[in-house]
Amino acid sequence: MNLFQTGLSELYKEIESLGDPLTGITDRIDFERIRPMLSDLYDNNTDKGGRPNYDPVLMVKILLLQQKWYNLSDPQVEREIRDRISFMNFLGYPEKLPDRNTIWHFRERLSKTGKDRLVFNEIREQIMAKRIRIKKGTMQDASFIESNHGECGKPRGDDAKTRRSRDGASATKNIEKLSVTPANVHDSMIDLSIPGIVCYRDKGYFGSECKGINGTMNRAVRGHPLPVKSIRRNLRISRVRSIVEHPYAFFKGMFHFFHVMVTTVQRVRVKTYFTAICFNLMKSRYPDRVA
């Protein structure tokens, strides 16, 4: 750390005393455990010359910062990591920082290799390993995230993987699993339940398969109203399921994650995974009595 970085570190102490939501994240999460799973992300050999690759752990932290504050665009996060002292501190005061194009290409590598899912799972497991879980249960729900329309008149082909997409996700007190699909995939086609654990779902999933213990709300059909017993059961499930709306409130309210400037399922998936990581990190600041 050079003299300039040391000065920034001292200045950050004053900022930290005023409150910094990033404080403690590096104490709770060992980001070095992510490094092995990203070791083969680059296929070029910089030992033979050429510009060295940016540290993948640094790039993951930048993507977290991008999703944690207002769903920043690549140009915006390029500026903020150079402007905010709290961001510099979280990143470890690196001597060199990537530009917007490098950030874009790194996210593309994650989307094409599926490494974003591995990063999400690793951080989730670290969070859960440090928390006491007294009760087990899952809740599944879906929400729409509007993607960038881009050139809507331009033919995209019939491949579903290139359709402009919206997402559906499942959530508990912590988000444990999620799925990102085009908007034309019905909720009932996605099963994120865990075998042996009850899964509470709304009426949109009625009649669909459930790998776990089925806690789906009953739905009336034409000419056959629900009996009182089913109505009471639905009410009990609804009370339990109310917590599933919390992640969506944070996604769209705090993280401003209701519109993304990308156009494919894979790209939306990466942004969704990193937003979910931010949600879990934020929740990890407050120990749960019941999970």
C-alpha atoms as a PDB file:
ATOM      1  CA  MET A   1       0.000   0.000   0.000  1.00  0.00           C
ATOM      2  CA  ASN A   2       1.528   3.288  -1.107  1.00  0.00           C
ATOM      3  CA  LEU A   3       1.362   6.630   0.697  1.00  0.00           C
ATOM      4  CA  PHE A   4      -1.756   7.738  -1.191  1.00  0.00           C
ATOM      5  CA  GLN A   5      -3.592   4.502  -0.373  1.00  0.00           C
ATOM      6  CA  THR A   6      -2.546   4.806   3.273  1.00  0.00           C
ATOM      7  CA  GLY A   7      -4.043   8.290   3.375  1.00  0.00           C
ATOM      8  CA  LEU A   8      -7.317   6.991   1.936  1.00  0.00           C
ATOM      9  CA  SER A   9      -7.339   4.213   4.532  1.00  0.00           C
ATOM     10  CA  GLU A  10      -7.020   6.762   7.330  1.00  0.00           C
ATOM     11  CA  LEU A  11      -9.770   8.897   5.820  1.00  0.00           C
ATOM     12  CA  TYR A  12     -12.035   5.853   5.588  1.00  0.00           C
ATOM     13  CA  LYS A  13     -11.888   5.383   9.369  1.00  0.00           C
ATOM     14  CA  GLU A  14     -13.788   8.647   9.751  1.00  0.00           C
ATOM     15  CA  ILE A  15     -16.319   7.556   7.139  1.00  0.00           C
ATOM     16  CA  GLU A  16     -16.736   4.193   8.870  1.00  0.00           C
ATOM     17  CA  SER A  17     -17.588   5.922  12.148  1.00  0.00           C
ATOM     18  CA  LEU A  18     -20.496   7.616  10.372  1.00  0.00           C
ATOM     19  CA  GLY A  19     -21.826   4.281   9.133  1.00  0.00           C
ATOM     20  CA  ASP A  20     -20.876   2.149   6.151  1.00  0.00           C
ATOM     21  CA  PRO A  21     -23.104  -0.769   5.070  1.00  0.00           C
ATOM     22  CA  LEU A  22     -20.069  -2.501   3.574  1.00  0.00           C
ATOM     23  CA  THR A  23     -18.413  -2.759   6.977  1.00  0.00           C
ATOM     24  CA  GLY A  24     -17.963  -6.345   8.117  1.00  0.00           C
ATOM     25  CA  ILE A  25     -18.683  -8.084   4.804  1.00  0.00           C
ATOM     26  CA  THR A  26     -15.068  -9.170   4.367  1.00  0.00           C
ATOM     27  CA  ASP A  27     -15.098 -10.403   7.983  1.00  0.00           C
ATOM     28  CA  ARG A  28     -18.146 -12.589   7.358  1.00  0.00           C
ATOM     29  CA  ILE A  29     -17.183 -13.818   3.894  1.00  0.00           C
ATOM     30  CA  ASP A  30     -13.870 -15.384   2.850  1.00  0.00           C
ATOM     31  CA  PHE A  31     -13.730 -14.237  -0.761  1.00  0.00           C
ATOM     32  CA  GLU A  32     -10.524 -16.211  -1.337  1.00  0.00           C
ATOM     33  CA  ARG A  33     -12.632 -19.385  -1.370  1.00  0.00           C
ATOM     34  CA  ILE A  34     -14.135 -18.096  -4.627  1.00  0.00           C
ATOM     35  CA  ARG A  35     -10.765 -17.908  -6.367  1.00  0.00           C
ATOM     36  CA  PRO A  36     -10.332 -21.653  -7.182  1.00  0.00           C
ATOM     37  CA  MET A  37     -13.713 -21.885  -8.922  1.00  0.00           C
ATOM     38  CA  LEU A  38     -12.801 -18.916 -11.142  1.00  0.00           C
ATOM     39  CA  SER A  39      -9.227 -20.021 -11.893  1.00  0.00           C
ATOM     40  CA  ASP A  40     -10.150 -21.314 -15.368  1.00  0.00           C
ATOM     41  CA  LEU A  41     -12.345 -18.343 -16.283  1.00  0.00           C
ATOM     42  CA  TYR A  42      -9.596 -16.885 -18.485  1.00  0.00           C
ATOM     43  CA  ASP A  43      -8.206 -19.044 -21.278  1.00  0.00           C
ATOM     44  CA  ASN A  44      -5.284 -16.788 -22.227  1.00  0.00           C
ATOM     45  CA  ASN A  45      -1.819 -17.449 -20.833  1.00  0.00           C
ATOM     46  CA  THR A  46      -0.434 -14.130 -19.633  1.00  0.00           C
ATOM     47  CA  ASP A  47       2.840 -15.791 -18.579  1.00  0.00           C
ATOM     48  CA  LYS A  48       3.878 -15.607 -22.228  1.00  0.00           C
ATOM     49  CA  GLY A  49       3.267 -11.866 -22.396  1.00  0.00           C
ATOM     50  CA  GLY A  50       0.391  -9.501 -22.899  1.00  0.00           C
ATOM     51  CA  ARG A  51      -1.766  -7.559 -20.498  1.00  0.00           C
ATOM     52  CA  PRO A  52      -2.367  -9.501 -17.257  1.00  0.00           C
ATOM     53  CA  ASN A  53      -5.920 -10.415 -16.335  1.00  0.00           C
ATOM     54  CA  TYR A  54      -7.668  -8.601 -13.510  1.00  0.00           C
ATOM     55  CA  ASP A  55      -8.017 -10.491 -10.253  1.00  0.00           C
ATOM     56  CA  PRO A  56     -11.326 -12.439 -10.496  1.00  0.00           C
ATOM     57  CA  VAL A  57     -12.028 -11.879  -6.780  1.00  0.00           C
ATOM     58  CA  LEU A  58     -11.703  -8.124  -7.358  1.00  0.00           C
ATOM     59  CA  MET A  59     -14.113  -8.383 -10.305  1.00  0.00           C
ATOM     60  CA  VAL A  60     -16.662 -10.314  -8.214  1.00  0.00           C
ATOM     61  CA  LYS A  61     -16.539  -7.604  -5.547  1.00  0.00           C
ATOM     62  CA  ILE A  62     -17.106  -4.947  -8.219  1.00  0.00           C
ATOM     63  CA  LEU A  63     -20.177  -6.802  -9.504  1.00  0.00           C
ATOM     64  CA  LEU A  64     -21.505  -6.923  -5.944  1.00  0.00           C
ATOM     65  CA  LEU A  65     -21.043  -3.165  -5.608  1.00  0.00           C
ATOM     66  CA  GLN A  66     -22.766  -2.695  -8.948  1.00  0.00           C
ATOM     67  CA  GLN A  67     -25.893  -4.551  -7.839  1.00  0.00           C
ATOM     68  CA  LYS A  68     -25.951  -3.379  -4.219  1.00  0.00           C
ATOM     69  CA  TRP A  69     -26.454   0.309  -5.067  1.00  0.00           C
ATOM     70  CA  TYR A  70     -29.208   1.364  -7.442  1.00  0.00           C
ATOM     71  CA  ASN A  71     -28.489  -1.284 -10.086  1.00  0.00           C
ATOM     72  CA  LEU A  72     -25.555   0.753 -11.440  1.00  0.00           C
ATOM     73  CA  SER A  73     -24.676   0.634 -15.116  1.00  0.00           C
ATOM     74  CA  ASP A  74     -21.148  -0.309 -16.180  1.00  0.00           C
ATOM     75  CA  PRO A  75     -20.110   3.337 -16.806  1.00  0.00           C
ATOM     76  CA  GLN A  76     -21.574   4.330 -13.429  1.00  0.00           C
ATOM     77  CA  VAL A  77     -19.788   1.617 -11.463  1.00  0.00           C
ATOM     78  CA  GLU A  78     -16.552   2.409 -13.347  1.00  0.00           C
ATOM     79  CA  ARG A  79     -16.779   5.934 -11.957  1.00  0.00           C
ATOM     80  CA  GLU A  80     -17.977   5.041  -8.448  1.00  0.00           C
ATOM     81  CA  ILE A  81     -15.170   2.571  -7.695  1.00  0.00           C
ATOM     82  CA  ARG A  82     -12.747   5.415  -8.407  1.00  0.00           C
ATOM     83  CA  ASP A  83     -14.741   8.062  -6.553  1.00  0.00           C
ATOM     84  CA  ARG A  84     -16.107   6.464  -3.364  1.00  0.00           C
ATOM     85  CA  ILE A  85     -13.626   5.812  -0.597  1.00  0.00           C
ATOM     86  CA  SER A  86     -15.923   3.161   0.901  1.00  0.00           C
ATOM     87  CA  PHE A  87     -15.857   1.295  -2.428  1.00  0.00           C
ATOM     88  CA  MET A  88     -12.056   1.528  -2.588  1.00  0.00           C
ATOM     89  CA  ASN A  89     -11.796   0.162   0.947  1.00  0.00           C
ATOM     90  CA  PHE A  90     -14.110  -2.760   0.137  1.00  0.00           C
ATOM     91  CA  LEU A  91     -11.984  -3.574  -2.908  1.00  0.00           C
ATOM     92  CA  GLY A  92      -8.747  -3.411  -0.884  1.00  0.00           C
ATOM     93  CA  TYR A  93      -7.351  -0.233  -2.458  1.00  0.00           C
ATOM     94  CA  PRO A  94      -6.146  -1.892  -5.691  1.00  0.00           C
ATOM     95  CA  GLU A  95      -3.520  -0.015  -7.701  1.00  0.00           C
ATOM     96  CA  LYS A  96      -5.374  -0.589 -10.976  1.00  0.00           C
ATOM     97  CA  LEU A  97      -9.121  -0.723 -11.557  1.00  0.00           C
ATOM     98  CA  PRO A  98     -10.967  -2.124 -14.592  1.00  0.00           C
ATOM     99  CA  ASP A  99     -12.883   0.004 -17.061  1.00  0.00           C
ATOM    100  CA  ARG A 100     -16.494  -0.519 -18.176  1.00  0.00           C
ATOM    101  CA  ASN A 101     -15.543  -2.836 -21.044  1.00  0.00           C
ATOM    102  CA  THR A 102     -13.554  -5.131 -18.760  1.00  0.00           C
ATOM    103  CA  ILE A 103     -16.472  -5.293 -16.318  1.00  0.00           C
ATOM    104  CA  TRP A 104     -18.832  -6.170 -19.169  1.00  0.00           C
ATOM    105  CA  HIS A 105     -16.564  -8.922 -20.525  1.00  0.00           C
ATOM    106  CA  PHE A 106     -16.083 -10.449 -17.075  1.00  0.00           C
ATOM    107  CA  ARG A 107     -19.842 -10.619 -16.552  1.00  0.00           C
ATOM    108  CA  GLU A 108     -20.166 -12.199 -20.010  1.00  0.00           C
ATOM    109  CA  ARG A 109     -17.657 -14.877 -19.031  1.00  0.00           C
ATOM    110  CA  LEU A 110     -19.706 -15.646 -15.926  1.00  0.00           C
ATOM    111  CA  SER A 111     -22.928 -15.883 -17.946  1.00  0.00           C
ATOM    112  CA  LYS A 112     -21.438 -18.229 -20.558  1.00  0.00           C
ATOM    113  CA  THR A 113     -19.682 -20.528 -18.082  1.00  0.00           C
ATOM    114  CA  GLY A 114     -22.355 -20.565 -15.368  1.00  0.00           C
ATOM    115  CA  LYS A 115     -19.779 -19.573 -12.745  1.00  0.00           C
ATOM    116  CA  ASP A 116     -22.220 -17.013 -11.332  1.00  0.00           C
ATOM    117  CA  ARG A 117     -24.216 -19.876  -9.831  1.00  0.00           C
ATOM    118  CA  LEU A 118     -21.079 -21.283  -8.171  1.00  0.00           C
ATOM    119  CA  VAL A 119     -20.235 -17.891  -6.660  1.00  0.00           C
ATOM    120  CA  PHE A 120     -23.789 -17.535  -5.332  1.00  0.00           C
ATOM    121  CA  ASN A 121     -23.762 -21.022  -3.795  1.00  0.00           C
ATOM    122  CA  GLU A 122     -20.355 -20.536  -2.147  1.00  0.00           C
ATOM    123  CA  ILE A 123     -21.293 -17.242  -0.486  1.00  0.00           C
ATOM    124  CA  ARG A 124     -24.700 -18.598   0.548  1.00  0.00           C
ATOM    125  CA  GLU A 125     -23.078 -21.643   2.167  1.00  0.00           C
ATOM    126  CA  GLN A 126     -20.629 -19.444   4.076  1.00  0.00           C
ATOM    127  CA  ILE A 127     -23.486 -17.296   5.369  1.00  0.00           C
ATOM    128  CA  MET A 128     -25.592 -20.280   6.401  1.00  0.00           C
ATOM    129  CA  ALA A 129     -22.633 -21.992   8.085  1.00  0.00           C
ATOM    130  CA  LYS A 130     -22.384 -19.085  10.535  1.00  0.00           C
ATOM    131  CA  ARG A 131     -26.075 -18.914  11.381  1.00  0.00           C
ATOM    132  CA  ILE A 132     -28.313 -21.062  13.582  1.00  0.00           C
ATOM    133  CA  ARG A 133     -31.311 -22.494  11.777  1.00  0.00           C
ATOM    134  CA  ILE A 134     -34.038 -23.630  14.162  1.00  0.00           C
ATOM    135  CA  LYS A 135     -36.875 -24.235  11.729  1.00  0.00           C
ATOM    136  CA  LYS A 136     -36.618 -25.360   8.143  1.00  0.00           C
ATOM    137  CA  GLY A 137     -38.940 -24.490   5.293  1.00  0.00           C
ATOM    138  CA  THR A 138     -38.892 -22.957   1.854  1.00  0.00           C
ATOM    139  CA  MET A 139     -41.156 -20.505   0.063  1.00  0.00           C
ATOM    140  CA  GLN A 140     -41.389 -20.080  -3.680  1.00  0.00           C
ATOM    141  CA  ASP A 141     -42.759 -17.158  -5.649  1.00  0.00           C
ATOM    142  CA  ALA A 142     -42.146 -15.354  -8.928  1.00  0.00           C
ATOM    143  CA  SER A 143     -41.753 -11.771 -10.059  1.00  0.00           C
ATOM    144  CA  PHE A 144     -41.173  -9.915 -13.323  1.00  0.00           C
ATOM    145  CA  ILE A 145     -37.995  -7.953 -13.979  1.00  0.00           C
ATOM    146  CA  GLU A 146     -38.202  -5.908 -17.157  1.00  0.00           C
ATOM    147  CA  SER A 147     -35.208  -6.339 -19.438  1.00  0.00           C
ATOM    148  CA  ASN A 148     -33.915  -3.888 -21.991  1.00  0.00           C
ATOM    149  CA  HIS A 149     -36.007  -4.051 -25.160  1.00  0.00           C
ATOM    150  CA  GLY A 150     -33.065  -3.110 -27.343  1.00  0.00           C
ATOM    151  CA  GLU A 151     -33.847  -3.386 -31.036  1.00  0.00           C
ATOM    152  CA  CYS A 152     -37.213  -5.054 -30.628  1.00  0.00           C
ATOM    153  CA  GLY A 153     -37.799  -5.267 -34.376  1.00  0.00           C
ATOM    154  CA  LYS A 154     -34.581  -7.140 -35.023  1.00  0.00           C
ATOM    155  CA  PRO A 155     -35.036 -10.930 -35.530  1.00  0.00           C
ATOM    156  CA  ARG A 156     -33.483 -12.932 -32.694  1.00  0.00           C
ATOM    157  CA  GLY A 157     -34.088 -16.486 -33.919  1.00  0.00           C
ATOM    158  CA  ASP A 158     -36.019 -19.269 -32.234  1.00  0.00           C
ATOM    159  CA  ASP A 159     -33.460 -20.142 -29.565  1.00  0.00           C
ATOM    160  CA  ALA A 160     -35.135 -19.598 -26.190  1.00  0.00           C
ATOM    161  CA  LYS A 161     -31.768 -18.753 -24.644  1.00  0.00           C
ATOM    162  CA  THR A 162     -31.587 -15.536 -26.669  1.00  0.00           C
ATOM    163  CA  ARG A 163     -35.057 -14.236 -25.862  1.00  0.00           C
ATOM    164  CA  ARG A 164     -35.393 -10.993 -23.981  1.00  0.00           C
ATOM    165  CA  SER A 165     -36.108 -12.183 -20.525  1.00  0.00           C
ATOM    166  CA  ARG A 166     -37.725 -11.698 -17.168  1.00  0.00           C
ATOM    167  CA  ASP A 167     -37.091 -13.667 -14.060  1.00  0.00           C
ATOM    168  CA  GLY A 168     -38.748 -15.917 -11.539  1.00  0.00           C
ATOM    169  CA  ALA A 169     -37.091 -16.618  -8.234  1.00  0.00           C
ATOM    170  CA  SER A 170     -37.657 -18.464  -5.007  1.00  0.00           C
ATOM    171  CA  ALA A 171     -36.806 -17.037  -1.651  1.00  0.00           C
ATOM    172  CA  THR A 172     -36.744 -17.818   2.042  1.00  0.00           C
ATOM    173  CA  LYS A 173     -35.390 -15.642   4.822  1.00  0.00           C
ATOM    174  CA  ASN A 174     -32.263 -16.133   2.814  1.00  0.00           C
ATOM    175  CA  ILE A 175     -32.443 -16.746  -0.902  1.00  0.00           C
ATOM    176  CA  GLU A 176     -31.234 -20.310  -1.354  1.00  0.00           C
ATOM    177  CA  LYS A 177     -32.204 -21.095  -4.949  1.00  0.00           C
ATOM    178  CA  LEU A 178     -33.429 -19.081  -7.899  1.00  0.00           C
ATOM    179  CA  SER A 179     -34.312 -19.593 -11.534  1.00  0.00           C
ATOM    180  CA  VAL A 180     -34.301 -17.062 -14.359  1.00  0.00           C
ATOM    181  CA  THR A 181     -36.627 -17.685 -17.294  1.00  0.00           C
ATOM    182  CA  PRO A 182     -38.352 -15.783 -20.111  1.00  0.00           C
ATOM    183  CA  ALA A 183     -41.689 -14.246 -19.125  1.00  0.00           C
ATOM    184  CA  ASN A 184     -43.618 -16.794 -21.199  1.00  0.00           C
ATOM    185  CA  VAL A 185     -42.664 -19.619 -18.806  1.00  0.00           C
ATOM    186  CA  HIS A 186     -45.488 -20.159 -16.296  1.00  0.00           C
ATOM    187  CA  ASP A 187     -44.703 -20.183 -12.575  1.00  0.00           C
ATOM    188  CA  SER A 188     -45.877 -23.790 -12.271  1.00  0.00           C
ATOM    189  CA  MET A 189     -43.114 -24.978 -14.626  1.00  0.00           C
ATOM    190  CA  ILE A 190     -40.434 -24.089 -12.058  1.00  0.00           C
ATOM    191  CA  ASP A 191     -39.939 -26.292  -8.994  1.00  0.00           C
ATOM    192  CA  LEU A 192     -37.321 -25.009  -6.553  1.00  0.00           C
ATOM    193  CA  SER A 193     -38.480 -27.059  -3.579  1.00  0.00           C
ATOM    194  CA  ILE A 194     -36.062 -29.192  -1.558  1.00  0.00           C
ATOM    195  CA  PRO A 195     -36.856 -32.897  -0.951  1.00  0.00           C
ATOM    196  CA  GLY A 196     -37.970 -33.545   2.612  1.00  0.00           C
ATOM    197  CA  ILE A 197     -38.660 -29.874   3.403  1.00  0.00           C
ATOM    198  CA  VAL A 198     -42.081 -28.239   3.187  1.00  0.00           C
ATOM    199  CA  CYS A 199     -42.423 -25.676   0.390  1.00  0.00           C
ATOM    200  CA  TYR A 200     -45.089 -22.976   0.713  1.00  0.00           C
ATOM    201  CA  ARG A 201     -46.431 -21.760  -2.642  1.00  0.00           C
ATOM    202  CA  ASP A 202     -49.374 -19.643  -3.778  1.00  0.00           C
ATOM    203  CA  LYS A 203     -52.331 -20.749  -5.917  1.00  0.00           C
ATOM    204  CA  GLY A 204     -50.404 -20.215  -9.142  1.00  0.00           C
ATOM    205  CA  TYR A 205     -48.533 -23.456  -8.420  1.00  0.00           C
ATOM    206  CA  PHE A 206     -51.691 -25.498  -7.672  1.00  0.00           C
ATOM    207  CA  GLY A 207     -51.543 -28.874  -9.400  1.00  0.00           C
ATOM    208  CA  SER A 208     -47.841 -28.659 -10.291  1.00  0.00           C
ATOM    209  CA  GLU A 209     -45.183 -31.076  -9.096  1.00  0.00           C
ATOM    210  CA  CYS A 210     -43.286 -30.440  -5.878  1.00  0.00           C
ATOM    211  CA  LYS A 211     -40.110 -32.336  -4.968  1.00  0.00           C
ATOM    212  CA  GLY A 212     -40.478 -31.275  -1.346  1.00  0.00           C
ATOM    213  CA  ILE A 213     -43.426 -31.550   1.031  1.00  0.00           C
ATOM    214  CA  ASN A 214     -46.249 -29.816  -0.821  1.00  0.00           C
ATOM    215  CA  GLY A 215     -47.462 -26.679   0.947  1.00  0.00           C
ATOM    216  CA  THR A 216     -49.219 -25.184  -2.080  1.00  0.00           C
ATOM    217  CA  MET A 217     -52.394 -23.199  -1.457  1.00  0.00           C
ATOM    218  CA  ASN A 218     -55.591 -24.825  -2.723  1.00  0.00           C
ATOM    219  CA  ARG A 219     -57.464 -23.245  -5.612  1.00  0.00           C
ATOM    220  CA  ALA A 220     -61.174 -23.383  -6.297  1.00  0.00           C
ATOM    221  CA  VAL A 221     -62.415 -24.607  -9.682  1.00  0.00           C
ATOM    222  CA  ARG A 222     -65.576 -23.629 -11.525  1.00  0.00           C
ATOM    223  CA  GLY A 223     -68.627 -24.986  -9.759  1.00  0.00           C
ATOM    224  CA  HIS A 224     -66.600 -26.312  -6.822  1.00  0.00           C
ATOM    225  CA  PRO A 225     -65.902 -23.628  -4.195  1.00  0.00           C
ATOM    226  CA  LEU A 226     -63.266 -24.303  -1.573  1.00  0.00           C
ATOM    227  CA  PRO A 227     -64.499 -25.924   1.647  1.00  0.00           C
ATOM    228  CA  VAL A 228     -63.928 -24.108   4.920  1.00  0.00           C
ATOM    229  CA  LYS A 229     -61.066 -26.458   5.801  1.00  0.00           C
ATOM    230  CA  SER A 230     -59.158 -25.509   2.635  1.00  0.00           C
ATOM    231  CA  ILE A 231     -59.848 -21.801   3.169  1.00  0.00           C
ATOM    232  CA  ARG A 232     -58.377 -22.007   6.660  1.00  0.00           C
ATOM    233  CA  ARG A 233     -55.400 -23.956   5.320  1.00  0.00           C
ATOM    234  CA  ASN A 234     -54.799 -21.270   2.696  1.00  0.00           C
ATOM    235  CA  LEU A 235     -54.915 -18.595   5.383  1.00  0.00           C
ATOM    236  CA  ARG A 236     -52.279 -20.398   7.452  1.00  0.00           C
ATOM    237  CA  ILE A 237     -50.031 -20.802   4.409  1.00  0.00           C
ATOM    238  CA  SER A 238     -50.551 -17.166   3.432  1.00  0.00           C
ATOM    239  CA  ARG A 239     -49.363 -15.985   6.840  1.00  0.00           C
ATOM    240  CA  VAL A 240     -46.201 -18.057   6.523  1.00  0.00           C
ATOM    241  CA  ARG A 241     -45.640 -17.012   2.913  1.00  0.00           C
ATOM    242  CA  SER A 242     -45.825 -13.283   3.606  1.00  0.00           C
ATOM    243  CA  ILE A 243     -42.081 -13.236   4.245  1.00  0.00           C
ATOM    244  CA  VAL A 244     -41.408 -14.282   0.631  1.00  0.00           C
ATOM    245  CA  GLU A 245     -42.337 -10.771  -0.496  1.00  0.00           C
ATOM    246  CA  HIS A 246     -39.434  -9.244   1.452  1.00  0.00           C
ATOM    247  CA  PRO A 247     -36.726 -10.102  -1.103  1.00  0.00           C
ATOM    248  CA  TYR A 248     -38.784  -8.600  -3.927  1.00  0.00           C
ATOM    249  CA  ALA A 249     -39.310  -5.437  -1.897  1.00  0.00           C
ATOM    250  CA  PHE A 250     -35.560  -5.126  -1.384  1.00  0.00           C
ATOM    251  CA  PHE A 251     -34.766  -6.049  -4.992  1.00  0.00           C
ATOM    252  CA  LYS A 252     -37.032  -3.358  -6.400  1.00  0.00           C
ATOM    253  CA  GLY A 253     -37.027  -0.810  -3.573  1.00  0.00           C
ATOM    254  CA  MET A 254     -33.486  -0.771  -2.204  1.00  0.00           C
ATOM    255  CA  PHE A 255     -31.544  -2.258  -5.136  1.00  0.00           C
ATOM    256  CA  HIS A 256     -33.747  -0.682  -7.849  1.00  0.00           C
ATOM    257  CA  PHE A 257     -33.765  -4.063  -9.579  1.00  0.00           C
ATOM    258  CA  PHE A 258     -36.962  -3.729 -11.593  1.00  0.00           C
ATOM    259  CA  HIS A 259     -35.326  -3.037 -14.957  1.00  0.00           C
ATOM    260  CA  VAL A 260     -32.021  -4.313 -16.335  1.00  0.00           C
ATOM    261  CA  MET A 261     -30.155  -3.017 -19.376  1.00  0.00           C
ATOM    262  CA  VAL A 262     -29.372  -6.459 -20.780  1.00  0.00           C
ATOM    263  CA  THR A 263     -31.260  -8.604 -23.262  1.00  0.00           C
ATOM    264  CA  THR A 264     -30.653 -12.334 -22.731  1.00  0.00           C
ATOM    265  CA  VAL A 265     -31.630 -14.848 -20.078  1.00  0.00           C
ATOM    266  CA  GLN A 266     -27.994 -15.569 -19.208  1.00  0.00           C
ATOM    267  CA  ARG A 267     -27.168 -11.904 -18.685  1.00  0.00           C
ATOM    268  CA  VAL A 268     -30.243 -11.287 -16.546  1.00  0.00           C
ATOM    269  CA  ARG A 269     -29.348 -14.424 -14.573  1.00  0.00           C
ATOM    270  CA  VAL A 270     -25.900 -13.068 -13.636  1.00  0.00           C
ATOM    271  CA  LYS A 271     -27.366  -9.777 -12.424  1.00  0.00           C
ATOM    272  CA  THR A 272     -30.093 -11.634 -10.505  1.00  0.00           C
ATOM    273  CA  TYR A 273     -27.584 -13.927  -8.777  1.00  0.00           C
ATOM    274  CA  PHE A 274     -25.412 -11.009  -7.676  1.00  0.00           C
ATOM    275  CA  THR A 275     -28.441  -9.078  -6.429  1.00  0.00           C
ATOM    276  CA  ALA A 276     -29.453 -12.181  -4.447  1.00  0.00           C
ATOM    277  CA  ILE A 277     -25.937 -12.357  -2.979  1.00  0.00           C
ATOM    278  CA  CYS A 278     -26.276  -8.715  -1.891  1.00  0.00           C
ATOM    279  CA  PHE A 279     -29.617  -9.494  -0.244  1.00  0.00           C
ATOM    280  CA  ASN A 280     -28.158 -12.466   1.650  1.00  0.00           C
ATOM    281  CA  LEU A 281     -25.141 -10.408   2.741  1.00  0.00           C
ATOM    282  CA  MET A 282     -27.410  -7.676   4.020  1.00  0.00           C
ATOM    283  CA  LYS A 283     -29.538 -10.199   5.928  1.00  0.00           C
ATOM    284  CA  SER A 284     -26.404 -11.785   7.405  1.00  0.00           C
ATOM    285  CA  ARG A 285     -25.804  -8.608   9.398  1.00  0.00           C
ATOM    286  CA  TYR A 286     -28.815  -9.481  11.543  1.00  0.00           C
ATOM    287  CA  PRO A 287     -28.805 -12.972  13.115  1.00  0.00           C
ATOM    288  CA  ASP A 288     -32.064 -14.843  12.629  1.00  0.00           C
ATOM    289  CA  ARG A 289     -33.938 -16.323  15.552  1.00  0.00           C
ATOM    290  CA  VAL A 290     -36.020 -18.447  13.206  1.00  0.00           C
ATOM    291  CA  ALA A 291     -35.110 -19.417   9.654  1.00  0.00           C
END
